[in-house]
Amino acid sequence: MSGGEGAIRDVVIVGGGTAGWMMAAAAARYLDDGQRRITLIESDAIGTVGVGEATIPPILNFNALLGIDERDFVKATQASFKLGIEFVGWGRSGDRYIHPFGTYGRDIHGVAFHQLWRKFAGRPGVGPIDDYAMSIAAARAGRFAHPTADPRDPRSQLAYAYHFDAGLYAAFLRDYAERDGVSRVEGRIADVERDAASGDVRAVQLDDGRRIEGELWIDCSGFRSLLLGETMGVPFVDWSHWLPCDRAWAVPCARVDPLLPYTRSTARPAGWQWRIPLQHRTGNGHVFSSGFMTEETALDLLLANLDDAPAGDPRMLRFTAGRRAEPWRGNVVALGLAAGFLEPLESTSIHLVQHGIQLLFALFPDRRFTAVERAEYNRLMTAQFDAIRDFIILHYHATERRGEPFWDHVRTMPIPDTLAAKIALFREKGRVFRYDDELFAVPNWTAVMLGQGIVPRTHDPIADSLDDDRVLAMMVAHRRNCNAAAAVMPTHAAFIENLLHEGPVVRALGPHRNNDR
């Protein structure tokens, strides 16, 4: 990428961690034209949030864009593979369902599979919709394999992401970025200097007196939002009235076999507990609302529900759900926690960083920083945040748990009009529409709606145009083929062992299909 006299030459990233080093690695690959300087400022004295991270399929796109070899990545980050998320106790206490990556069944002549399933759901032998997802069949069996390219093979419908250690991922990307020319500056920012006329950030001064100038500033300073929030004054839009969880305890324990290829989210009296299986350990955490449970009780509940003894000291994270009103103001763009926070229920934090980076590259400014580019970035990023917000609220609102103050509150609270409309449309005839390239697609909304008891009143009438016997035969065959394919896959642990030590080098796959997420 090169430019004329107005081209930006100095890009400064404030803060490291996952967000900062993702930006640095991508900038090193796509912005460094030999004339542009990319600098990252971070202080070893300031800790990062990083705990075990779960991701969603677009992470494959990001790794592929950087040319990262999957074997190297899995080895360096102690990664495992992820086929979806199991939700335990979210609809009713004791219920469980898996929100899979990939699709359900096969669409026929443009009719979505879940419409066909809804039409025949009452027939003997049809069973739950989970029986028709290849990713669920493999997850339940504790097995994993890469998707195939043959559309006749049910394994072609697999989609996957990763679990990995966020600290190791940041270190992996740091090594990548520094090899490609990113300059890391160790130090704590003591003061921010702004241009008197425009109000843009001109330079920062470190606590040892060094002064660093920049033209484009990327704020990855975490919840503090040093540049966008504190300096530029962009207000925070608080969503705690819809998402009241505001605390999380995190603690690792030993790896437990079998190594499961999915994340687990278990509903608790005032929130939920995560379980993320990595190669070397299991990541655990308890997200809860301090308005309904004390920190001490929440920690006791987490420790009582671990697979093994804690392998470290529990860490407390305090947060407020929401986002900055504008992720880009002046010459400052915020990524990660500096731009906003949504609890990790659907593993979207890293995706929002990735999406922000890709949008910034698509709308990369020159030194004029035109309002039209900034406005489009803000429109698309806030739309992405808002759509993910609605999807997370759905999990809380669509519950049949009763007699527990927290769950009674979230079940009956007012919800955004955008979500209410989506639920009403699905409840009538199972229809789902996506807007503004929102992240979650038809299979995702279908998984959570059906998994938590929102069953359409009837099916889309267009499904009646298909031959019933043919459709039922297809459904029976697909379920049988999914189970058969899962049975011959290697176990998840065996797949990783083979990838790391014996198998051929496998590079991260290319762009994911929309219906994968």
Protein backbone atom coordinates (compact mmCIF):
# COMPACT_ATOMS: atom_id res chain seq x y z
CA MET A 1 0.00 0.00 0.00
CA SER A 2 1.47 3.35 -0.97
CA GLY A 3 0.22 6.89 -1.25
CA GLY A 4 1.03 10.42 -2.29
CA GLU A 5 2.05 13.45 -0.33
CA GLY A 6 -0.98 13.13 1.92
CA ALA A 7 -0.27 9.55 2.88
CA ILE A 8 -0.07 8.70 6.56
CA ARG A 9 3.50 7.78 7.48
CA ASP A 10 3.35 7.28 11.25
CA VAL A 11 0.89 4.79 12.77
CA VAL A 12 1.10 4.45 16.55
CA ILE A 13 -0.66 1.69 18.49
CA VAL A 14 -1.19 2.39 22.19
CA GLY A 15 -1.35 -0.83 24.17
CA GLY A 16 -0.38 -4.42 23.47
CA GLY A 17 -2.33 -7.51 24.44
CA THR A 18 -4.39 -9.37 21.89
CA ALA A 19 -5.92 -6.29 20.26
CA GLY A 20 -2.69 -4.32 20.00
CA TRP A 21 -0.62 -7.12 18.54
CA MET A 22 -3.39 -8.20 16.15
CA MET A 23 -3.36 -4.65 14.79
CA ALA A 24 0.43 -4.54 14.72
CA ALA A 25 0.74 -7.84 12.86
CA ALA A 26 -1.88 -6.87 10.29
CA ALA A 27 -0.36 -3.41 9.84
CA ALA A 28 3.08 -4.89 9.35
CA ARG A 29 1.76 -7.02 6.52
CA TYR A 30 -0.58 -4.58 4.78
CA LEU A 31 0.47 -1.04 5.71
CA ASP A 32 4.26 -1.17 5.72
CA ASP A 33 5.32 0.06 2.28
CA GLY A 34 8.89 0.81 3.31
CA GLN A 35 8.06 4.44 4.11
CA ARG A 36 5.41 4.04 6.78
CA ARG A 37 6.48 3.58 10.41
CA ILE A 38 4.42 1.39 12.73
CA THR A 39 5.07 1.76 16.44
CA LEU A 40 3.47 -0.01 19.39
CA ILE A 41 3.72 1.43 22.90
CA GLU A 42 3.10 -0.82 25.87
CA SER A 43 4.18 -1.08 29.46
CA ASP A 44 5.14 -4.35 31.09
CA ALA A 45 3.89 -2.81 34.33
CA ILE A 46 0.32 -2.69 32.99
CA GLY A 47 -1.26 -6.13 32.88
CA THR A 48 -3.56 -7.39 30.14
CA VAL A 49 -6.94 -9.06 30.54
CA GLY A 50 -5.85 -12.17 28.57
CA VAL A 51 -7.25 -15.46 29.82
CA GLY A 52 -8.12 -18.57 27.83
CA GLU A 53 -9.85 -17.39 24.67
CA ALA A 54 -12.48 -19.02 22.53
CA THR A 55 -13.00 -17.76 18.98
CA ILE A 56 -15.35 -18.09 16.03
CA PRO A 57 -14.62 -19.16 12.42
CA PRO A 58 -13.59 -15.73 11.02
CA ILE A 59 -10.32 -16.11 12.97
CA LEU A 60 -9.27 -18.48 10.18
CA ASN A 61 -9.57 -15.59 7.73
CA PHE A 62 -7.33 -13.40 9.87
CA ASN A 63 -4.64 -16.05 10.26
CA ALA A 64 -4.81 -16.82 6.54
CA LEU A 65 -4.43 -13.14 5.63
CA LEU A 66 -1.25 -13.06 7.70
CA GLY A 67 -0.01 -16.27 6.09
CA ILE A 68 0.12 -18.06 9.45
CA ASP A 69 0.71 -21.79 9.29
CA GLU A 70 -1.92 -23.62 11.30
CA ARG A 71 0.53 -26.11 12.79
CA ASP A 72 2.81 -23.30 14.01
CA PHE A 73 -0.15 -21.44 15.43
CA VAL A 74 -1.62 -24.45 17.26
CA LYS A 75 1.76 -25.32 18.72
CA ALA A 76 2.68 -21.78 19.82
CA THR A 77 -0.66 -20.94 21.44
CA GLN A 78 -1.49 -24.38 22.96
CA ALA A 79 -4.63 -24.23 20.82
CA SER A 80 -7.39 -26.77 20.47
CA PHE A 81 -10.21 -26.85 17.95
CA LYS A 82 -13.74 -25.61 18.47
CA LEU A 83 -16.87 -26.84 16.67
CA GLY A 84 -19.38 -24.79 18.65
CA ILE A 85 -20.65 -23.95 22.13
CA GLU A 86 -22.65 -26.22 24.42
CA PHE A 87 -25.22 -24.33 26.50
CA VAL A 88 -26.26 -26.09 29.70
CA GLY A 89 -29.30 -24.97 31.69
CA TRP A 90 -30.08 -21.86 29.65
CA GLY A 91 -33.59 -22.80 28.55
CA ARG A 92 -34.53 -24.75 31.65
CA SER A 93 -32.37 -26.13 34.44
CA GLY A 94 -30.79 -29.34 33.16
CA ASP A 95 -31.46 -28.67 29.47
CA ARG A 96 -28.55 -28.59 27.04
CA TYR A 97 -28.03 -27.80 23.39
CA ILE A 98 -25.09 -27.08 21.11
CA HIS A 99 -24.83 -23.93 19.03
CA PRO A 100 -22.77 -25.36 16.16
CA PHE A 101 -20.49 -23.82 13.59
CA GLY A 102 -21.56 -24.76 10.08
CA THR A 103 -25.08 -25.60 8.99
CA TYR A 104 -28.03 -27.83 9.77
CA GLY A 105 -28.90 -30.42 7.14
CA ARG A 106 -29.10 -29.34 3.53
CA ASP A 107 -31.30 -26.67 2.03
CA ILE A 108 -33.49 -27.89 -0.83
CA HIS A 109 -34.36 -25.59 -3.75
CA GLY A 110 -33.74 -22.53 -1.62
CA VAL A 111 -35.82 -23.74 1.33
CA ALA A 112 -33.81 -23.52 4.55
CA PHE A 113 -33.36 -26.86 6.27
CA HIS A 114 -34.78 -25.67 9.57
CA GLN A 115 -38.07 -24.94 7.79
CA LEU A 116 -38.20 -28.55 6.59
CA TRP A 117 -37.36 -29.79 10.07
CA ARG A 118 -40.11 -27.61 11.58
CA LYS A 119 -42.65 -29.04 9.15
CA PHE A 120 -41.86 -32.64 10.10
CA ALA A 121 -40.74 -32.18 13.72
CA GLY A 122 -43.81 -33.98 15.05
CA ARG A 123 -43.26 -37.09 12.93
CA PRO A 124 -41.91 -40.22 14.67
CA GLY A 125 -38.19 -40.65 14.24
CA VAL A 126 -37.44 -37.11 13.08
CA GLY A 127 -35.83 -36.11 16.36
CA PRO A 128 -34.26 -32.79 17.42
CA ILE A 129 -32.65 -30.46 14.91
CA ASP A 130 -29.27 -31.04 16.59
CA ASP A 131 -29.22 -34.50 14.97
CA TYR A 132 -28.76 -32.90 11.54
CA ALA A 133 -25.62 -30.81 12.13
CA MET A 134 -22.27 -32.35 11.21
CA SER A 135 -20.44 -30.14 13.70
CA ILE A 136 -22.71 -31.33 16.52
CA ALA A 137 -22.26 -35.00 15.58
CA ALA A 138 -18.48 -34.59 15.71
CA ALA A 139 -18.58 -32.52 18.92
CA ARG A 140 -20.71 -35.06 20.74
CA ALA A 141 -18.32 -37.82 19.70
CA GLY A 142 -15.30 -35.82 20.85
CA ARG A 143 -13.83 -35.96 17.36
CA PHE A 144 -12.41 -33.51 14.87
CA ALA A 145 -11.24 -33.30 11.27
CA HIS A 146 -10.83 -30.53 8.74
CA PRO A 147 -13.78 -29.86 6.42
CA THR A 148 -13.65 -31.66 3.09
CA ALA A 149 -14.13 -30.03 -0.31
CA ASP A 150 -16.63 -32.62 -1.57
CA PRO A 151 -20.16 -31.17 -1.20
CA ARG A 152 -21.57 -34.71 -1.14
CA ASP A 153 -19.59 -35.45 2.04
CA PRO A 154 -21.32 -34.24 5.23
CA ARG A 155 -17.88 -33.25 6.53
CA SER A 156 -17.93 -30.43 3.98
CA GLN A 157 -20.45 -28.77 6.34
CA LEU A 158 -18.00 -28.65 9.22
CA ALA A 159 -16.79 -25.25 10.31
CA TYR A 160 -14.40 -24.57 13.14
CA ALA A 161 -12.50 -22.06 15.19
CA TYR A 162 -9.96 -22.32 18.01
CA HIS A 163 -9.49 -22.20 21.74
CA PHE A 164 -6.10 -20.74 22.66
CA ASP A 165 -4.14 -19.01 25.38
CA ALA A 166 -4.61 -15.29 24.72
CA GLY A 167 -1.26 -14.37 26.26
CA LEU A 168 0.55 -16.85 24.02
CA TYR A 169 -1.40 -15.59 20.99
CA ALA A 170 -0.34 -12.00 21.70
CA ALA A 171 3.29 -13.15 22.05
CA PHE A 172 3.02 -15.13 18.80
CA LEU A 173 1.71 -12.07 16.95
CA ARG A 174 4.30 -9.83 18.60
CA ASP A 175 7.08 -12.02 17.22
CA TYR A 176 5.41 -11.94 13.79
CA ALA A 177 4.99 -8.13 13.86
CA GLU A 178 8.49 -7.33 15.09
CA ARG A 179 10.02 -9.58 12.46
CA ASP A 180 8.10 -7.54 9.89
CA GLY A 181 9.36 -4.21 11.17
CA VAL A 182 7.02 -3.02 13.91
CA SER A 183 8.88 -1.04 16.57
CA ARG A 184 7.90 -1.78 20.16
CA VAL A 185 8.41 0.96 22.73
CA GLU A 186 8.34 0.01 26.40
CA GLY A 187 6.90 2.69 28.62
CA ARG A 188 3.90 4.18 30.34
CA ILE A 189 2.14 7.18 28.81
CA ALA A 190 2.20 10.17 31.15
CA ASP A 191 0.65 12.84 28.93
CA VAL A 192 -1.16 13.25 25.60
CA GLU A 193 -0.47 16.26 23.39
CA ARG A 194 -3.24 17.49 21.08
CA ASP A 195 -3.25 19.82 18.10
CA ALA A 196 -4.67 23.18 19.18
CA ALA A 197 -6.65 23.70 15.98
CA SER A 198 -8.08 20.28 15.17
CA GLY A 199 -8.04 18.61 18.57
CA ASP A 200 -6.33 15.57 17.04
CA VAL A 201 -3.68 13.66 18.97
CA ARG A 202 -0.24 14.90 17.98
CA ALA A 203 2.09 13.07 20.37
CA VAL A 204 2.36 11.26 23.67
CA GLN A 205 4.96 11.72 26.37
CA LEU A 206 6.19 8.72 28.34
CA ASP A 207 6.92 8.80 32.04
CA ASP A 208 10.67 8.82 31.32
CA GLY A 209 10.35 11.98 29.22
CA ARG A 210 10.46 10.44 25.75
CA ARG A 211 8.07 11.99 23.23
CA ILE A 212 6.51 9.95 20.40
CA GLU A 213 4.71 11.61 17.52
CA GLY A 214 2.11 10.00 15.28
CA GLU A 215 -0.47 10.74 12.59
CA LEU A 216 -2.90 7.85 13.02
CA TRP A 217 -3.41 6.55 16.56
CA ILE A 218 -4.87 3.13 17.38
CA ASP A 219 -6.19 2.97 20.94
CA CYS A 220 -5.76 -0.53 22.38
CA SER A 221 -5.44 0.67 25.96
CA GLY A 222 -8.18 -1.57 27.34
CA PHE A 223 -11.12 -0.48 29.47
CA ARG A 224 -9.39 2.82 30.24
CA SER A 225 -9.74 3.94 26.60
CA LEU A 226 -6.92 6.41 27.15
CA LEU A 227 -7.05 8.12 23.76
CA LEU A 228 -10.62 7.72 22.52
CA GLY A 229 -12.44 7.99 25.84
CA GLU A 230 -10.23 10.08 28.13
CA THR A 231 -8.50 12.30 25.57
CA MET A 232 -11.03 12.66 22.73
CA GLY A 233 -14.01 12.56 25.10
CA VAL A 234 -16.08 9.97 23.24
CA PRO A 235 -18.82 8.88 25.65
CA PHE A 236 -19.53 5.30 26.65
CA VAL A 237 -22.95 3.85 25.77
CA ASP A 238 -23.95 1.73 28.78
CA TRP A 239 -25.89 -1.49 28.05
CA SER A 240 -25.99 -2.84 31.60
CA HIS A 241 -29.79 -2.47 31.68
CA TRP A 242 -29.89 -5.23 29.05
CA LEU A 243 -26.73 -7.09 30.05
CA PRO A 244 -26.49 -6.82 33.85
CA CYS A 245 -23.49 -9.15 34.28
CA ASP A 246 -20.59 -6.94 35.37
CA ARG A 247 -18.04 -9.25 36.97
CA ALA A 248 -16.06 -12.35 36.06
CA TRP A 249 -13.76 -14.64 38.00
CA ALA A 250 -11.24 -16.57 35.90
CA VAL A 251 -9.07 -19.50 37.00
CA PRO A 252 -7.31 -22.35 35.16
CA CYS A 253 -7.22 -25.99 36.13
CA ALA A 254 -5.43 -29.01 34.71
CA ARG A 255 -6.35 -30.42 31.33
CA VAL A 256 -9.03 -33.07 31.62
CA ASP A 257 -9.50 -35.86 29.12
CA PRO A 258 -11.26 -36.45 26.85
CA LEU A 259 -10.27 -33.17 25.20
CA LEU A 260 -13.59 -31.79 23.99
CA PRO A 261 -13.76 -29.85 20.70
CA TYR A 262 -16.22 -27.24 21.97
CA THR A 263 -16.71 -24.54 24.58
CA ARG A 264 -19.20 -25.10 27.39
CA SER A 265 -21.37 -22.40 28.94
CA THR A 266 -23.30 -23.48 32.03
CA ALA A 267 -26.02 -21.25 33.46
CA ARG A 268 -25.57 -20.37 37.14
CA PRO A 269 -27.96 -18.59 39.56
CA ALA A 270 -26.73 -15.09 38.63
CA GLY A 271 -24.86 -15.63 35.37
CA TRP A 272 -22.89 -18.42 33.73
CA GLN A 273 -19.67 -20.42 33.85
CA TRP A 274 -17.33 -21.00 30.92
CA ARG A 275 -15.14 -24.01 30.25
CA ILE A 276 -12.49 -23.72 27.53
CA PRO A 277 -10.31 -26.81 26.87
CA LEU A 278 -6.74 -26.08 25.77
CA GLN A 279 -3.88 -28.50 25.15
CA HIS A 280 -2.11 -27.74 28.44
CA ARG A 281 -4.97 -26.73 30.71
CA THR A 282 -8.65 -25.94 31.00
CA GLY A 283 -9.73 -22.31 31.19
CA ASN A 284 -12.65 -21.60 33.53
CA GLY A 285 -14.56 -18.53 34.49
CA HIS A 286 -17.75 -17.33 36.14
CA VAL A 287 -19.52 -14.32 34.63
CA PHE A 288 -22.11 -12.89 37.03
CA SER A 289 -24.09 -9.84 38.08
CA SER A 290 -22.91 -8.18 41.27
CA GLY A 291 -26.48 -6.93 41.74
CA PHE A 292 -27.62 -10.51 42.31
CA MET A 293 -24.55 -12.27 43.77
CA THR A 294 -21.56 -11.26 45.87
CA GLU A 295 -18.03 -11.69 44.57
CA GLU A 296 -17.26 -14.15 47.36
CA THR A 297 -20.25 -16.35 46.57
CA ALA A 298 -19.46 -16.25 42.86
CA LEU A 299 -15.89 -17.40 43.48
CA ASP A 300 -17.02 -20.21 45.77
CA LEU A 301 -19.48 -21.39 43.12
CA LEU A 302 -16.79 -21.39 40.43
CA LEU A 303 -14.27 -23.29 42.55
CA ALA A 304 -16.90 -25.87 43.49
CA ASN A 305 -17.58 -26.62 39.83
CA LEU A 306 -14.11 -27.14 38.39
CA ASP A 307 -12.99 -30.40 36.80
CA ASP A 308 -9.81 -30.39 38.88
CA ALA A 309 -8.00 -28.33 41.49
CA PRO A 310 -7.19 -24.71 40.52
CA ALA A 311 -3.84 -24.36 38.77
CA GLY A 312 -3.42 -20.68 39.63
CA ASP A 313 -4.89 -17.83 41.62
CA PRO A 314 -8.37 -16.67 40.61
CA ARG A 315 -8.45 -13.31 38.81
CA MET A 316 -11.29 -10.81 39.03
CA LEU A 317 -12.43 -8.77 36.03
CA ARG A 318 -14.88 -5.91 36.52
CA PHE A 319 -16.62 -4.45 33.48
CA THR A 320 -19.68 -2.68 32.10
CA ALA A 321 -21.30 -3.96 28.92
CA GLY A 322 -21.47 -1.35 26.18
CA ARG A 323 -19.47 0.50 23.56
CA ARG A 324 -18.06 3.92 22.77
CA ALA A 325 -20.51 6.11 20.84
CA GLU A 326 -17.93 6.44 18.05
CA PRO A 327 -15.02 4.02 17.69
CA TRP A 328 -13.23 6.54 15.43
CA ARG A 329 -12.96 10.24 16.25
CA GLY A 330 -10.43 12.62 14.75
CA ASN A 331 -7.25 10.66 14.16
CA VAL A 332 -7.94 8.05 16.86
CA VAL A 333 -9.44 4.60 16.20
CA ALA A 334 -10.18 2.31 19.16
CA LEU A 335 -9.99 -1.47 19.04
CA GLY A 336 -10.76 -4.13 21.62
CA LEU A 337 -11.82 -3.10 25.11
CA ALA A 338 -11.05 0.56 24.33
CA ALA A 339 -13.94 0.46 21.83
CA GLY A 340 -16.39 -1.55 23.91
CA PHE A 341 -17.06 -4.76 25.77
CA LEU A 342 -19.55 -7.56 25.33
CA GLU A 343 -19.29 -10.52 27.66
CA PRO A 344 -17.65 -13.59 26.07
CA LEU A 345 -20.82 -15.66 25.83
CA GLU A 346 -20.50 -16.11 22.06
CA SER A 347 -16.73 -15.60 21.80
CA THR A 348 -16.99 -12.37 19.81
CA SER A 349 -14.28 -10.19 21.40
CA ILE A 350 -11.46 -11.15 19.04
CA HIS A 351 -13.82 -11.03 16.06
CA LEU A 352 -14.69 -7.40 16.84
CA VAL A 353 -10.98 -6.53 16.85
CA GLN A 354 -10.49 -8.36 13.56
CA HIS A 355 -13.55 -6.70 12.02
CA GLY A 356 -12.35 -3.28 13.13
CA ILE A 357 -8.92 -3.85 11.57
CA GLN A 358 -10.39 -5.02 8.28
CA LEU A 359 -12.79 -2.05 8.13
CA LEU A 360 -9.96 0.36 8.90
CA PHE A 361 -7.90 -1.04 6.06
CA ALA A 362 -10.90 -0.79 3.72
CA LEU A 363 -11.42 2.87 4.72
CA PHE A 364 -7.81 3.76 5.41
CA PRO A 365 -7.45 7.56 5.60
CA ASP A 366 -4.87 10.03 4.42
CA ARG A 367 -3.79 12.99 6.50
CA ARG A 368 -7.01 14.86 5.70
CA PHE A 369 -9.04 12.34 7.77
CA THR A 370 -12.20 12.97 5.78
CA ALA A 371 -15.50 12.83 7.64
CA VAL A 372 -17.15 10.51 5.12
CA GLU A 373 -14.66 7.68 5.73
CA ARG A 374 -14.88 8.10 9.46
CA ALA A 375 -18.69 8.15 9.40
CA GLU A 376 -18.88 4.95 7.38
CA TYR A 377 -16.46 3.17 9.71
CA ASN A 378 -18.49 4.27 12.73
CA ARG A 379 -21.76 3.23 11.13
CA LEU A 380 -20.53 -0.25 10.27
CA MET A 381 -18.72 -0.88 13.54
CA THR A 382 -21.56 0.30 15.75
CA ALA A 383 -24.00 -1.81 13.71
CA GLN A 384 -21.77 -4.84 14.30
CA PHE A 385 -21.63 -4.17 18.04
CA ASP A 386 -25.39 -3.63 18.21
CA ALA A 387 -26.25 -6.83 16.32
CA ILE A 388 -23.95 -8.92 18.53
CA ARG A 389 -25.47 -7.22 21.59
CA ASP A 390 -28.94 -8.36 20.48
CA PHE A 391 -27.74 -11.92 19.93
CA ILE A 392 -26.27 -12.10 23.43
CA ILE A 393 -29.39 -10.59 25.02
CA LEU A 394 -31.43 -13.31 23.27
CA HIS A 395 -29.75 -15.98 25.41
CA TYR A 396 -30.88 -14.28 28.60
CA HIS A 397 -34.34 -13.26 27.46
CA ALA A 398 -35.27 -16.62 25.92
CA THR A 399 -35.23 -18.64 29.13
CA GLU A 400 -37.89 -20.60 30.95
CA ARG A 401 -36.03 -20.57 34.26
CA ARG A 402 -38.27 -19.26 37.02
CA GLY A 403 -38.01 -18.54 40.71
CA GLU A 404 -34.45 -17.15 40.52
CA PRO A 405 -34.22 -13.36 40.86
CA PHE A 406 -31.54 -12.91 38.20
CA TRP A 407 -33.25 -15.10 35.60
CA ASP A 408 -36.69 -13.66 36.39
CA HIS A 409 -35.21 -10.21 35.76
CA VAL A 410 -33.56 -10.94 32.42
CA ARG A 411 -36.52 -12.99 31.19
CA THR A 412 -38.99 -10.16 31.77
CA MET A 413 -36.86 -7.05 31.13
CA PRO A 414 -37.62 -4.83 28.12
CA ILE A 415 -35.39 -5.72 25.17
CA PRO A 416 -34.22 -3.69 22.15
CA ASP A 417 -36.87 -3.24 19.46
CA THR A 418 -34.50 -4.77 16.92
CA LEU A 419 -34.32 -8.01 18.91
CA ALA A 420 -38.05 -8.04 19.67
CA ALA A 421 -38.78 -7.85 15.94
CA LYS A 422 -36.36 -10.68 15.19
CA ILE A 423 -37.94 -12.92 17.82
CA ALA A 424 -41.47 -12.16 16.63
CA LEU A 425 -40.57 -12.95 13.03
CA PHE A 426 -38.97 -16.26 13.99
CA ARG A 427 -41.79 -17.19 16.37
CA GLU A 428 -44.32 -16.88 13.57
CA LYS A 429 -42.77 -18.88 10.69
CA GLY A 430 -39.10 -19.37 11.58
CA ARG A 431 -37.81 -16.58 9.37
CA VAL A 432 -34.47 -14.86 9.95
CA PHE A 433 -33.02 -11.94 7.99
CA ARG A 434 -29.55 -10.43 8.27
CA TYR A 435 -28.84 -6.71 8.05
CA ASP A 436 -25.67 -4.67 7.42
CA ASP A 437 -23.54 -7.80 7.07
CA GLU A 438 -24.18 -8.68 10.70
CA LEU A 439 -22.05 -11.50 12.08
CA PHE A 440 -24.63 -14.09 13.01
CA ALA A 441 -26.49 -15.85 10.22
CA VAL A 442 -29.66 -17.96 9.92
CA PRO A 443 -28.21 -21.15 11.49
CA ASN A 444 -26.89 -19.19 14.49
CA TRP A 445 -30.20 -17.53 15.33
CA THR A 446 -31.99 -20.82 14.67
CA ALA A 447 -29.71 -22.70 17.07
CA VAL A 448 -30.30 -20.38 20.01
CA MET A 449 -34.00 -19.76 19.37
CA LEU A 450 -34.85 -23.46 19.09
CA GLY A 451 -32.34 -24.45 21.74
CA GLN A 452 -34.02 -22.19 24.28
CA GLY A 453 -37.61 -22.97 23.44
CA ILE A 454 -38.67 -20.41 20.83
CA VAL A 455 -40.38 -22.75 18.37
CA PRO A 456 -42.09 -21.23 15.30
CA ARG A 457 -45.86 -21.45 15.28
CA THR A 458 -45.64 -23.06 11.84
CA HIS A 459 -43.24 -23.40 8.91
CA ASP A 460 -42.71 -21.23 5.86
CA PRO A 461 -45.44 -22.17 3.34
CA ILE A 462 -42.83 -22.47 0.59
CA ALA A 463 -41.71 -25.73 2.23
CA ASP A 464 -45.03 -27.27 1.11
CA SER A 465 -43.91 -27.04 -2.50
CA LEU A 466 -41.46 -29.92 -1.98
CA ASP A 467 -42.24 -33.62 -2.07
CA ASP A 468 -42.69 -34.85 1.51
CA ASP A 469 -41.36 -38.36 0.96
CA ARG A 470 -38.24 -37.08 -0.77
CA VAL A 471 -37.56 -34.55 1.97
CA LEU A 472 -38.01 -37.12 4.75
CA ALA A 473 -35.73 -39.60 2.97
CA MET A 474 -33.10 -36.89 2.61
CA MET A 475 -33.35 -36.06 6.31
CA VAL A 476 -32.94 -39.69 7.37
CA ALA A 477 -29.93 -40.13 5.07
CA HIS A 478 -28.26 -36.92 6.22
CA ARG A 479 -28.56 -37.79 9.90
CA ARG A 480 -27.18 -41.28 9.25
CA ASN A 481 -24.30 -39.90 7.17
CA CYS A 482 -23.36 -37.33 9.82
CA ASN A 483 -23.13 -39.99 12.52
CA ALA A 484 -21.18 -42.33 10.25
CA ALA A 485 -18.73 -39.58 9.28
CA ALA A 486 -18.19 -38.57 12.92
CA ALA A 487 -17.51 -42.17 13.91
CA VAL A 488 -14.47 -42.46 11.63
CA MET A 489 -12.90 -39.11 12.50
CA PRO A 490 -9.90 -39.12 14.84
CA THR A 491 -10.47 -38.04 18.39
CA HIS A 492 -9.84 -34.37 18.99
CA ALA A 493 -6.67 -35.12 20.97
CA ALA A 494 -5.39 -37.54 18.32
CA PHE A 495 -5.98 -34.98 15.56
CA ILE A 496 -3.90 -32.36 17.40
CA GLU A 497 -1.15 -34.87 18.10
CA ASN A 498 -1.03 -35.86 14.44
CA LEU A 499 -1.07 -32.24 13.27
CA LEU A 500 1.81 -31.26 15.53
CA HIS A 501 4.05 -34.26 15.12
CA GLU A 502 3.19 -36.36 12.11
CA GLY A 503 0.69 -34.87 9.70
CA PRO A 504 1.24 -32.67 6.67
CA VAL A 505 1.53 -28.93 7.09
CA VAL A 506 -1.94 -27.43 6.96
CA ARG A 507 -2.44 -23.74 6.46
CA ALA A 508 -5.39 -21.86 7.91
CA LEU A 509 -8.34 -22.12 5.58
CA GLY A 510 -9.57 -19.25 3.45
CA PRO A 511 -12.62 -17.06 3.96
CA HIS A 512 -15.48 -18.63 5.87
CA ARG A 513 -18.92 -18.93 4.35
CA ASN A 514 -21.56 -16.58 5.72
CA ASN A 515 -23.63 -19.41 7.11
CA ASP A 516 -20.66 -20.67 9.11
CA ARG A 517 -21.12 -17.61 11.31
